[in-house]
Amino acid sequence: MKKTLIILTTSLLVSSSAFAAPVFEFGLSRTKESIKIPREYNEAKLDKLSASYEAIHLAAGYEFDINSSFSVTPLLGISKGLNNEKFTDLVNVDSGIHFDAEAENERTISLGINGRYTFDNGVFASASYSYGWSKAKVTLTAQGTDVSGSIKTNINSGSYGAGVGYEFSDKLSFEVDYFKNADDSHVDSIVGLLRYSL
């Protein structure tokens, strides 16, 4: 799916860029996910930590009008987590040591495509697919000590989304989307997006 997305996006940009309008998106999201801990570090034998966090999104692309109602928009985006998820008083079942954990979403770069069908009253329905390259970090600290360790992971995955929105004018619109991770059913997001077209 990732290769298909890249080929489709490149084809649209190369063949039809003269007929497309540049667009910019700004958004905020709330994501819930389960973070896996590597077994070699995970003496507590915890398979996952459940985390939720907010992130800010910026994206740019070209909107191609297929007809008066339907458009397709390939987008290149970047997002950054606004807060870290903290876990307190986790227990190592083998040693009895209590420790705290902190999960940080450092950044995500994404390539996506969005299809939008707009009704006569300005309301529209949208469907999206996005593939992201993410960096995350989990820090574990033993309580009452200075002993800590960090685990950095690279997460590459795709997400499907659907949403509804409203076009205030030919240039400005707002939508709310729900995304579900295509590779891990334990990751989902709610995203609010403001789009401006040149």
N, C-alpha and C. Protein backbone atom coordinates (compact mmCIF):
# COMPACT_ATOMS: atom_id res chain seq x y z
N MET A 1 0.82 -1.21 0.00
CA MET A 1 0.00 0.00 0.00
C MET A 1 0.86 1.26 0.00
N LYS A 2 2.01 1.20 0.71
CA LYS A 2 2.89 2.37 0.76
C LYS A 2 3.43 2.71 -0.62
N LYS A 3 3.87 1.68 -1.39
CA LYS A 3 4.39 1.93 -2.73
C LYS A 3 3.31 2.47 -3.65
N THR A 4 2.10 1.92 -3.54
CA THR A 4 0.99 2.41 -4.35
C THR A 4 0.70 3.88 -4.07
N LEU A 5 0.74 4.25 -2.78
CA LEU A 5 0.50 5.64 -2.39
C LEU A 5 1.54 6.56 -2.98
N ILE A 6 2.81 6.17 -2.93
CA ILE A 6 3.89 7.01 -3.46
C ILE A 6 3.76 7.17 -4.97
N ILE A 7 3.46 6.07 -5.68
CA ILE A 7 3.31 6.13 -7.14
C ILE A 7 2.14 7.01 -7.53
N LEU A 8 0.99 6.85 -6.84
CA LEU A 8 -0.20 7.64 -7.15
C LEU A 8 0.04 9.11 -6.89
N THR A 9 0.66 9.43 -5.77
CA THR A 9 0.94 10.83 -5.42
C THR A 9 1.87 11.47 -6.43
N THR A 10 2.94 10.76 -6.80
CA THR A 10 3.90 11.29 -7.77
C THR A 10 3.25 11.50 -9.13
N SER A 11 2.42 10.56 -9.56
CA SER A 11 1.75 10.67 -10.86
C SER A 11 0.83 11.88 -10.92
N LEU A 12 0.08 12.11 -9.84
CA LEU A 12 -0.81 13.27 -9.81
C LEU A 12 -0.03 14.57 -9.88
N LEU A 13 1.04 14.66 -9.11
CA LEU A 13 1.83 15.89 -9.07
C LEU A 13 2.50 16.18 -10.39
N VAL A 14 3.03 15.14 -11.05
CA VAL A 14 3.75 15.34 -12.30
C VAL A 14 2.82 15.64 -13.46
N SER A 15 1.69 14.92 -13.54
CA SER A 15 0.82 15.02 -14.70
C SER A 15 -0.16 16.17 -14.65
N SER A 16 -0.55 16.61 -13.43
CA SER A 16 -1.67 17.55 -13.35
C SER A 16 -1.43 18.75 -12.46
N SER A 17 -0.17 19.04 -12.13
CA SER A 17 0.08 20.11 -11.17
C SER A 17 -0.40 21.47 -11.67
N ALA A 18 -0.48 21.65 -13.00
CA ALA A 18 -0.93 22.94 -13.53
C ALA A 18 -2.41 23.17 -13.25
N PHE A 19 -3.17 22.12 -12.95
CA PHE A 19 -4.61 22.23 -12.74
C PHE A 19 -4.98 22.04 -11.27
N ALA A 20 -3.99 22.09 -10.40
CA ALA A 20 -4.24 21.84 -8.98
C ALA A 20 -3.99 23.10 -8.16
N ALA A 21 -4.69 23.18 -7.02
CA ALA A 21 -4.53 24.31 -6.11
C ALA A 21 -3.68 23.89 -4.91
N PRO A 22 -2.65 24.65 -4.57
CA PRO A 22 -1.87 24.33 -3.36
C PRO A 22 -2.74 24.48 -2.12
N VAL A 23 -2.59 23.57 -1.17
CA VAL A 23 -3.34 23.63 0.08
C VAL A 23 -2.39 23.45 1.26
N PHE A 24 -2.78 24.03 2.38
CA PHE A 24 -2.03 23.90 3.62
C PHE A 24 -3.00 23.51 4.73
N GLU A 25 -2.56 22.60 5.60
CA GLU A 25 -3.41 22.13 6.69
C GLU A 25 -2.71 22.34 8.04
N PHE A 26 -3.54 22.70 9.00
CA PHE A 26 -3.09 22.81 10.39
C PHE A 26 -4.08 22.03 11.24
N GLY A 27 -3.57 21.20 12.14
CA GLY A 27 -4.50 20.39 12.91
C GLY A 27 -3.98 20.00 14.28
N LEU A 28 -4.90 19.53 15.10
CA LEU A 28 -4.60 18.99 16.42
C LEU A 28 -5.23 17.61 16.53
N SER A 29 -4.55 16.70 17.21
CA SER A 29 -5.06 15.35 17.32
C SER A 29 -4.91 14.83 18.74
N ARG A 30 -5.72 13.83 19.04
CA ARG A 30 -5.56 13.05 20.28
C ARG A 30 -5.48 11.59 19.88
N THR A 31 -4.41 10.94 20.29
CA THR A 31 -4.14 9.56 19.90
C THR A 31 -4.07 8.67 21.13
N LYS A 32 -4.64 7.49 21.01
CA LYS A 32 -4.51 6.45 22.02
C LYS A 32 -3.78 5.27 21.40
N GLU A 33 -2.75 4.77 22.10
CA GLU A 33 -2.01 3.64 21.56
C GLU A 33 -1.41 2.81 22.68
N SER A 34 -1.01 1.59 22.31
CA SER A 34 -0.31 0.69 23.22
C SER A 34 1.13 0.59 22.77
N ILE A 35 2.07 0.91 23.66
CA ILE A 35 3.49 0.92 23.33
C ILE A 35 4.13 -0.38 23.80
N LYS A 36 4.75 -1.09 22.89
CA LYS A 36 5.41 -2.34 23.25
C LYS A 36 6.78 -2.06 23.86
N ILE A 37 7.14 -2.83 24.89
CA ILE A 37 8.44 -2.72 25.53
C ILE A 37 9.29 -3.92 25.12
N PRO A 38 10.52 -3.70 24.61
CA PRO A 38 11.37 -4.84 24.19
C PRO A 38 11.58 -5.84 25.33
N ARG A 39 11.54 -7.11 25.02
CA ARG A 39 11.63 -8.13 26.05
C ARG A 39 12.98 -8.11 26.78
N GLU A 40 14.06 -7.73 26.07
CA GLU A 40 15.36 -7.75 26.71
C GLU A 40 15.48 -6.68 27.80
N TYR A 41 14.63 -5.65 27.72
CA TYR A 41 14.63 -4.60 28.75
C TYR A 41 13.50 -4.80 29.75
N ASN A 42 12.51 -5.52 29.33
CA ASN A 42 11.26 -5.59 30.06
C ASN A 42 11.30 -6.67 31.13
N GLU A 43 12.06 -6.44 32.21
CA GLU A 43 12.12 -7.40 33.30
C GLU A 43 10.77 -7.54 34.01
N ALA A 44 9.96 -6.49 33.94
CA ALA A 44 8.65 -6.55 34.58
C ALA A 44 7.66 -7.41 33.79
N LYS A 45 8.12 -7.83 32.61
CA LYS A 45 7.28 -8.67 31.73
C LYS A 45 5.95 -7.98 31.39
N LEU A 46 6.02 -6.65 31.19
CA LEU A 46 4.87 -5.91 30.70
C LEU A 46 4.91 -5.95 29.18
N ASP A 47 3.85 -6.42 28.56
CA ASP A 47 3.83 -6.49 27.11
C ASP A 47 3.67 -5.11 26.48
N LYS A 48 2.81 -4.28 27.09
CA LYS A 48 2.50 -2.98 26.51
C LYS A 48 2.18 -1.97 27.60
N LEU A 49 2.38 -0.70 27.25
CA LEU A 49 1.88 0.40 28.07
C LEU A 49 0.86 1.17 27.25
N SER A 50 -0.30 1.44 27.81
CA SER A 50 -1.32 2.21 27.11
C SER A 50 -1.04 3.70 27.30
N ALA A 51 -0.98 4.44 26.19
CA ALA A 51 -0.65 5.86 26.24
C ALA A 51 -1.64 6.66 25.43
N SER A 52 -1.85 7.89 25.83
CA SER A 52 -2.65 8.84 25.05
C SER A 52 -1.94 10.17 25.09
N TYR A 53 -1.95 10.88 23.96
CA TYR A 53 -1.24 12.15 23.88
C TYR A 53 -1.87 13.02 22.79
N GLU A 54 -1.54 14.31 22.86
CA GLU A 54 -1.99 15.26 21.85
C GLU A 54 -0.81 15.62 20.95
N ALA A 55 -1.10 15.99 19.70
CA ALA A 55 -0.05 16.36 18.76
C ALA A 55 -0.54 17.48 17.86
N ILE A 56 0.41 18.24 17.33
CA ILE A 56 0.12 19.31 16.37
C ILE A 56 0.57 18.85 15.00
N HIS A 57 -0.22 19.18 13.98
CA HIS A 57 0.06 18.71 12.62
C HIS A 57 0.17 19.89 11.65
N LEU A 58 1.12 19.79 10.74
CA LEU A 58 1.26 20.72 9.62
C LEU A 58 1.42 19.88 8.35
N ALA A 59 0.73 20.27 7.28
CA ALA A 59 0.81 19.52 6.03
C ALA A 59 0.63 20.46 4.84
N ALA A 60 1.19 20.06 3.70
CA ALA A 60 1.03 20.82 2.46
C ALA A 60 0.83 19.84 1.31
N GLY A 61 0.09 20.26 0.30
CA GLY A 61 -0.14 19.40 -0.84
C GLY A 61 -0.85 20.13 -1.96
N TYR A 62 -1.41 19.39 -2.88
CA TYR A 62 -2.16 19.95 -4.01
C TYR A 62 -3.53 19.29 -4.06
N GLU A 63 -4.56 20.11 -4.23
CA GLU A 63 -5.92 19.59 -4.35
C GLU A 63 -6.32 19.54 -5.82
N PHE A 64 -6.66 18.33 -6.29
CA PHE A 64 -7.05 18.13 -7.68
C PHE A 64 -8.56 17.96 -7.76
N ASP A 65 -9.23 18.85 -8.48
CA ASP A 65 -10.68 18.76 -8.65
C ASP A 65 -10.99 17.77 -9.77
N ILE A 66 -11.56 16.63 -9.39
CA ILE A 66 -11.95 15.63 -10.39
C ILE A 66 -13.21 16.08 -11.11
N ASN A 67 -14.16 16.63 -10.36
CA ASN A 67 -15.35 17.28 -10.92
C ASN A 67 -15.80 18.34 -9.92
N SER A 68 -17.00 18.86 -10.08
CA SER A 68 -17.46 19.96 -9.23
C SER A 68 -17.69 19.54 -7.78
N SER A 69 -17.81 18.25 -7.54
CA SER A 69 -18.10 17.77 -6.18
C SER A 69 -16.96 16.99 -5.53
N PHE A 70 -16.13 16.35 -6.34
CA PHE A 70 -15.14 15.43 -5.80
C PHE A 70 -13.72 15.92 -6.08
N SER A 71 -12.86 15.84 -5.06
CA SER A 71 -11.46 16.23 -5.21
C SER A 71 -10.56 15.22 -4.52
N VAL A 72 -9.31 15.18 -4.98
CA VAL A 72 -8.29 14.31 -4.40
C VAL A 72 -7.08 15.17 -4.04
N THR A 73 -6.52 14.96 -2.82
CA THR A 73 -5.42 15.78 -2.34
C THR A 73 -4.30 14.92 -1.76
N PRO A 74 -3.15 14.81 -2.46
CA PRO A 74 -1.98 14.20 -1.84
C PRO A 74 -1.33 15.20 -0.88
N LEU A 75 -0.83 14.72 0.27
CA LEU A 75 -0.32 15.60 1.31
C LEU A 75 0.98 15.05 1.90
N LEU A 76 1.90 15.97 2.18
CA LEU A 76 3.11 15.65 2.92
C LEU A 76 3.03 16.40 4.24
N GLY A 77 3.16 15.67 5.37
CA GLY A 77 2.94 16.32 6.66
C GLY A 77 3.99 15.97 7.70
N ILE A 78 3.99 16.74 8.76
CA ILE A 78 4.83 16.48 9.91
C ILE A 78 4.03 16.79 11.17
N SER A 79 4.22 16.01 12.21
CA SER A 79 3.52 16.24 13.47
C SER A 79 4.48 16.08 14.63
N LYS A 80 4.13 16.74 15.74
CA LYS A 80 4.97 16.72 16.94
C LYS A 80 4.08 16.58 18.15
N GLY A 81 4.43 15.67 19.04
CA GLY A 81 3.66 15.49 20.26
C GLY A 81 3.74 16.71 21.15
N LEU A 82 2.63 17.08 21.77
CA LEU A 82 2.57 18.25 22.64
C LEU A 82 2.77 17.91 24.10
N ASN A 83 2.60 16.66 24.45
CA ASN A 83 2.75 16.26 25.85
C ASN A 83 3.24 14.82 25.92
N ASN A 84 3.84 14.47 27.03
CA ASN A 84 4.30 13.11 27.26
C ASN A 84 3.31 12.39 28.17
N GLU A 85 3.16 11.10 27.94
CA GLU A 85 2.29 10.30 28.78
C GLU A 85 3.12 9.69 29.91
N LYS A 86 2.67 9.89 31.14
CA LYS A 86 3.42 9.40 32.30
C LYS A 86 2.66 8.27 33.00
N PHE A 87 3.42 7.28 33.46
CA PHE A 87 2.88 6.15 34.19
C PHE A 87 3.62 6.06 35.52
N THR A 88 2.90 5.91 36.61
CA THR A 88 3.54 5.89 37.92
C THR A 88 3.28 4.56 38.63
N ASP A 89 4.26 4.20 39.47
CA ASP A 89 4.13 3.05 40.36
C ASP A 89 3.90 1.74 39.61
N LEU A 90 4.64 1.54 38.51
CA LEU A 90 4.67 0.23 37.87
C LEU A 90 5.59 -0.67 38.69
N VAL A 91 5.32 -1.96 38.70
CA VAL A 91 6.07 -2.87 39.57
C VAL A 91 6.74 -3.97 38.75
N ASN A 92 8.04 -4.17 39.01
CA ASN A 92 8.77 -5.30 38.45
C ASN A 92 8.37 -6.55 39.25
N VAL A 93 7.71 -7.47 38.59
CA VAL A 93 7.15 -8.61 39.32
C VAL A 93 8.22 -9.55 39.85
N ASP A 94 9.43 -9.50 39.27
CA ASP A 94 10.51 -10.38 39.73
C ASP A 94 11.23 -9.82 40.95
N SER A 95 11.58 -8.52 40.91
CA SER A 95 12.37 -7.93 41.99
C SER A 95 11.53 -7.14 42.99
N GLY A 96 10.31 -6.78 42.62
CA GLY A 96 9.48 -5.96 43.50
C GLY A 96 9.81 -4.48 43.43
N ILE A 97 10.74 -4.08 42.55
CA ILE A 97 11.11 -2.67 42.41
C ILE A 97 10.00 -1.90 41.72
N HIS A 98 9.68 -0.74 42.29
CA HIS A 98 8.69 0.15 41.68
C HIS A 98 9.40 1.14 40.76
N PHE A 99 8.77 1.44 39.63
CA PHE A 99 9.39 2.41 38.72
C PHE A 99 8.32 3.20 38.00
N ASP A 100 8.74 4.33 37.44
CA ASP A 100 7.86 5.20 36.66
C ASP A 100 8.29 5.15 35.19
N ALA A 101 7.34 5.43 34.31
CA ALA A 101 7.63 5.44 32.88
C ALA A 101 7.06 6.69 32.25
N GLU A 102 7.75 7.17 31.20
CA GLU A 102 7.29 8.35 30.46
C GLU A 102 7.46 8.07 28.97
N ALA A 103 6.36 8.22 28.21
CA ALA A 103 6.37 7.96 26.77
C ALA A 103 6.29 9.28 26.02
N GLU A 104 7.15 9.44 25.02
CA GLU A 104 7.21 10.69 24.24
C GLU A 104 7.14 10.37 22.75
N ASN A 105 6.22 11.02 22.04
CA ASN A 105 6.15 10.94 20.59
C ASN A 105 7.00 12.09 20.04
N GLU A 106 8.21 11.79 19.55
CA GLU A 106 9.14 12.85 19.18
C GLU A 106 8.72 13.56 17.89
N ARG A 107 8.39 12.79 16.87
CA ARG A 107 7.90 13.41 15.64
C ARG A 107 7.44 12.33 14.67
N THR A 108 6.56 12.71 13.74
CA THR A 108 6.08 11.81 12.70
C THR A 108 6.09 12.55 11.37
N ILE A 109 6.67 11.96 10.35
CA ILE A 109 6.58 12.47 8.99
C ILE A 109 5.65 11.55 8.22
N SER A 110 4.71 12.13 7.47
CA SER A 110 3.69 11.30 6.82
C SER A 110 3.47 11.70 5.37
N LEU A 111 3.08 10.73 4.58
CA LEU A 111 2.66 10.93 3.19
C LEU A 111 1.27 10.35 3.08
N GLY A 112 0.32 11.16 2.61
CA GLY A 112 -1.05 10.69 2.59
C GLY A 112 -1.82 11.16 1.38
N ILE A 113 -3.02 10.62 1.22
CA ILE A 113 -3.92 11.04 0.17
C ILE A 113 -5.33 11.12 0.75
N ASN A 114 -6.05 12.18 0.37
CA ASN A 114 -7.37 12.46 0.91
C ASN A 114 -8.36 12.66 -0.22
N GLY A 115 -9.49 11.96 -0.15
CA GLY A 115 -10.57 12.17 -1.11
C GLY A 115 -11.74 12.86 -0.42
N ARG A 116 -12.32 13.84 -1.10
CA ARG A 116 -13.38 14.65 -0.49
C ARG A 116 -14.55 14.79 -1.44
N TYR A 117 -15.77 14.49 -0.94
CA TYR A 117 -16.99 14.72 -1.72
C TYR A 117 -17.80 15.81 -1.02
N THR A 118 -18.05 16.91 -1.75
CA THR A 118 -18.71 18.07 -1.19
C THR A 118 -20.14 18.20 -1.71
N PHE A 119 -21.08 18.39 -0.79
CA PHE A 119 -22.49 18.58 -1.16
C PHE A 119 -22.76 20.05 -1.43
N ASP A 120 -23.95 20.34 -1.96
CA ASP A 120 -24.29 21.70 -2.37
C ASP A 120 -24.31 22.69 -1.20
N ASN A 121 -24.58 22.20 0.01
CA ASN A 121 -24.66 23.10 1.17
C ASN A 121 -23.31 23.35 1.84
N GLY A 122 -22.21 22.82 1.25
CA GLY A 122 -20.88 23.05 1.80
C GLY A 122 -20.38 21.95 2.72
N VAL A 123 -21.28 21.06 3.14
CA VAL A 123 -20.87 19.92 3.98
C VAL A 123 -20.17 18.90 3.09
N PHE A 124 -19.10 18.28 3.59
CA PHE A 124 -18.40 17.27 2.80
C PHE A 124 -18.05 16.06 3.66
N ALA A 125 -17.89 14.94 2.97
CA ALA A 125 -17.41 13.70 3.59
C ALA A 125 -16.05 13.39 2.99
N SER A 126 -15.15 12.87 3.82
CA SER A 126 -13.80 12.60 3.34
C SER A 126 -13.32 11.22 3.76
N ALA A 127 -12.40 10.68 2.98
CA ALA A 127 -11.74 9.42 3.31
C ALA A 127 -10.25 9.61 3.03
N SER A 128 -9.40 9.01 3.89
CA SER A 128 -7.96 9.24 3.79
C SER A 128 -7.18 7.97 4.04
N TYR A 129 -5.97 7.95 3.47
CA TYR A 129 -4.97 6.95 3.85
C TYR A 129 -3.66 7.69 4.03
N SER A 130 -2.95 7.36 5.10
CA SER A 130 -1.69 8.03 5.41
C SER A 130 -0.67 7.01 5.88
N TYR A 131 0.59 7.18 5.42
CA TYR A 131 1.68 6.33 5.89
C TYR A 131 2.67 7.20 6.62
N GLY A 132 3.02 6.82 7.86
CA GLY A 132 3.87 7.67 8.69
C GLY A 132 5.14 6.99 9.14
N TRP A 133 6.19 7.80 9.29
CA TRP A 133 7.47 7.37 9.84
C TRP A 133 7.66 8.11 11.16
N SER A 134 7.56 7.39 12.29
CA SER A 134 7.54 8.02 13.61
C SER A 134 8.76 7.64 14.43
N LYS A 135 9.13 8.56 15.33
CA LYS A 135 10.14 8.30 16.35
C LYS A 135 9.51 8.48 17.71
N ALA A 136 9.71 7.51 18.59
CA ALA A 136 9.14 7.58 19.94
C ALA A 136 10.21 7.17 20.95
N LYS A 137 10.00 7.60 22.19
CA LYS A 137 10.95 7.27 23.26
C LYS A 137 10.18 6.95 24.53
N VAL A 138 10.60 5.87 25.22
CA VAL A 138 10.04 5.50 26.52
C VAL A 138 11.18 5.52 27.53
N THR A 139 11.01 6.29 28.61
CA THR A 139 12.01 6.38 29.67
C THR A 139 11.48 5.72 30.94
N LEU A 140 12.25 4.81 31.51
CA LEU A 140 11.90 4.12 32.74
C LEU A 140 12.84 4.58 33.85
N THR A 141 12.29 4.92 35.02
CA THR A 141 13.08 5.37 36.16
C THR A 141 12.66 4.60 37.41
N ALA A 142 13.64 3.98 38.09
CA ALA A 142 13.36 3.26 39.33
C ALA A 142 13.06 4.27 40.43
N GLN A 143 11.98 4.07 41.17
CA GLN A 143 11.56 5.01 42.21
C GLN A 143 12.58 5.05 43.34
N GLY A 144 12.87 6.27 43.82
CA GLY A 144 13.79 6.46 44.94
C GLY A 144 15.24 6.35 44.56
N THR A 145 15.55 6.28 43.25
CA THR A 145 16.93 6.19 42.79
C THR A 145 17.14 7.11 41.60
N ASP A 146 18.40 7.20 41.17
CA ASP A 146 18.72 7.95 39.96
C ASP A 146 18.88 7.03 38.76
N VAL A 147 18.52 5.77 38.93
CA VAL A 147 18.69 4.79 37.86
C VAL A 147 17.55 4.91 36.85
N SER A 148 17.91 5.15 35.60
CA SER A 148 16.89 5.26 34.56
C SER A 148 17.47 4.76 33.24
N GLY A 149 16.59 4.51 32.31
CA GLY A 149 17.00 4.08 30.98
C GLY A 149 15.95 4.46 29.96
N SER A 150 16.40 4.71 28.74
CA SER A 150 15.50 5.13 27.67
C SER A 150 15.51 4.12 26.53
N ILE A 151 14.36 3.95 25.94
CA ILE A 151 14.21 3.07 24.78
C ILE A 151 13.69 3.93 23.63
N LYS A 152 14.46 4.03 22.53
CA LYS A 152 14.01 4.76 21.36
C LYS A 152 13.58 3.77 20.29
N THR A 153 12.44 4.05 19.69
CA THR A 153 11.92 3.15 18.66
C THR A 153 11.50 3.94 17.43
N ASN A 154 11.63 3.30 16.27
CA ASN A 154 11.11 3.84 15.01
C ASN A 154 9.89 3.03 14.62
N ILE A 155 8.79 3.74 14.38
CA ILE A 155 7.52 3.08 14.08
C ILE A 155 7.05 3.53 12.70
N ASN A 156 6.95 2.60 11.76
CA ASN A 156 6.46 2.90 10.42
C ASN A 156 5.15 2.17 10.21
N SER A 157 4.09 2.92 9.92
CA SER A 157 2.79 2.27 9.79
C SER A 157 1.83 3.13 9.00
N GLY A 158 0.77 2.49 8.51
CA GLY A 158 -0.27 3.19 7.76
C GLY A 158 -1.53 3.33 8.58
N SER A 159 -2.37 4.31 8.21
CA SER A 159 -3.63 4.55 8.90
C SER A 159 -4.72 4.89 7.89
N TYR A 160 -5.92 4.36 8.15
CA TYR A 160 -7.10 4.70 7.36
C TYR A 160 -7.94 5.68 8.15
N GLY A 161 -8.58 6.63 7.45
CA GLY A 161 -9.40 7.60 8.14
C GLY A 161 -10.65 7.97 7.37
N ALA A 162 -11.64 8.47 8.10
CA ALA A 162 -12.87 8.98 7.51
C ALA A 162 -13.35 10.14 8.37
N GLY A 163 -14.03 11.10 7.72
CA GLY A 163 -14.48 12.25 8.49
C GLY A 163 -15.52 13.07 7.76
N VAL A 164 -15.96 14.13 8.42
CA VAL A 164 -16.91 15.08 7.86
C VAL A 164 -16.41 16.49 8.14
N GLY A 165 -16.85 17.42 7.32
CA GLY A 165 -16.42 18.80 7.51
C GLY A 165 -17.32 19.78 6.80
N TYR A 166 -16.89 21.04 6.81
CA TYR A 166 -17.69 22.11 6.20
C TYR A 166 -16.76 23.10 5.50
N GLU A 167 -17.14 23.49 4.29
CA GLU A 167 -16.39 24.50 3.53
C GLU A 167 -17.01 25.87 3.79
N PHE A 168 -16.26 26.73 4.47
CA PHE A 168 -16.73 28.09 4.73
C PHE A 168 -16.66 28.95 3.47
N SER A 169 -15.71 28.63 2.60
CA SER A 169 -15.55 29.34 1.33
C SER A 169 -14.75 28.44 0.40
N ASP A 170 -14.42 28.94 -0.78
CA ASP A 170 -13.60 28.15 -1.71
C ASP A 170 -12.20 27.91 -1.17
N LYS A 171 -11.78 28.72 -0.21
CA LYS A 171 -10.42 28.64 0.29
C LYS A 171 -10.29 28.03 1.69
N LEU A 172 -11.34 28.11 2.50
CA LEU A 172 -11.21 27.72 3.90
C LEU A 172 -12.22 26.64 4.28
N SER A 173 -11.74 25.59 4.95
CA SER A 173 -12.63 24.51 5.39
C SER A 173 -12.11 23.93 6.70
N PHE A 174 -13.00 23.21 7.38
CA PHE A 174 -12.64 22.54 8.63
C PHE A 174 -13.26 21.15 8.62
N GLU A 175 -12.52 20.17 9.15
CA GLU A 175 -13.05 18.81 9.22
C GLU A 175 -12.55 18.09 10.46
N VAL A 176 -13.31 17.07 10.85
CA VAL A 176 -12.93 16.19 11.95
C VAL A 176 -12.86 14.77 11.40
N ASP A 177 -11.72 14.11 11.64
CA ASP A 177 -11.48 12.77 11.10
C ASP A 177 -11.18 11.78 12.22
N TYR A 178 -11.54 10.53 11.96
CA TYR A 178 -11.17 9.43 12.84
C TYR A 178 -10.22 8.51 12.07
N PHE A 179 -9.05 8.25 12.64
CA PHE A 179 -8.06 7.39 12.00
C PHE A 179 -7.85 6.11 12.82
N LYS A 180 -7.67 5.01 12.10
CA LYS A 180 -7.38 3.72 12.71
C LYS A 180 -6.10 3.17 12.08
N ASN A 181 -5.17 2.75 12.93
CA ASN A 181 -3.92 2.21 12.43
C ASN A 181 -4.16 0.92 11.66
N ALA A 182 -3.57 0.82 10.46
CA ALA A 182 -3.80 -0.35 9.61
C ALA A 182 -3.01 -1.56 10.08
N ASP A 183 -1.93 -1.35 10.86
CA ASP A 183 -1.08 -2.44 11.30
C ASP A 183 -1.31 -2.84 12.75
N ASP A 184 -1.90 -1.96 13.54
CA ASP A 184 -2.10 -2.23 14.96
C ASP A 184 -3.47 -1.70 15.36
N SER A 185 -4.39 -2.59 15.66
CA SER A 185 -5.76 -2.19 15.97
C SER A 185 -5.86 -1.45 17.30
N HIS A 186 -4.74 -1.38 18.06
CA HIS A 186 -4.77 -0.72 19.36
C HIS A 186 -4.37 0.75 19.27
N VAL A 187 -4.27 1.30 18.05
CA VAL A 187 -3.91 2.71 17.87
C VAL A 187 -5.03 3.40 17.11
N ASP A 188 -5.61 4.45 17.68
CA ASP A 188 -6.59 5.26 16.96
C ASP A 188 -6.44 6.72 17.34
N SER A 189 -6.95 7.59 16.45
CA SER A 189 -6.78 9.04 16.62
C SER A 189 -8.03 9.78 16.19
N ILE A 190 -8.27 10.90 16.86
CA ILE A 190 -9.26 11.89 16.44
C ILE A 190 -8.49 13.14 16.04
N VAL A 191 -8.76 13.66 14.83
CA VAL A 191 -8.00 14.79 14.31
C VAL A 191 -8.94 15.90 13.86
N GLY A 192 -8.67 17.12 14.27
CA GLY A 192 -9.37 18.30 13.76
C GLY A 192 -8.45 19.06 12.84
N LEU A 193 -8.89 19.33 11.60
CA LEU A 193 -8.03 19.94 10.59
C LEU A 193 -8.65 21.19 9.99
N LEU A 194 -7.84 22.23 9.87
CA LEU A 194 -8.21 23.45 9.19
C LEU A 194 -7.41 23.52 7.89
N ARG A 195 -8.09 23.63 6.76
CA ARG A 195 -7.41 23.64 5.46
C ARG A 195 -7.60 24.99 4.76
N TYR A 196 -6.48 25.50 4.22
CA TYR A 196 -6.52 26.76 3.47
C TYR A 196 -5.97 26.50 2.06
N SER A 197 -6.74 26.91 1.03
CA SER A 197 -6.33 26.72 -0.36
C SER A 197 -5.92 28.05 -0.96
N LEU A 198 -4.84 28.04 -1.70
CA LEU A 198 -4.39 29.25 -2.40
C LEU A 198 -5.10 29.42 -3.72
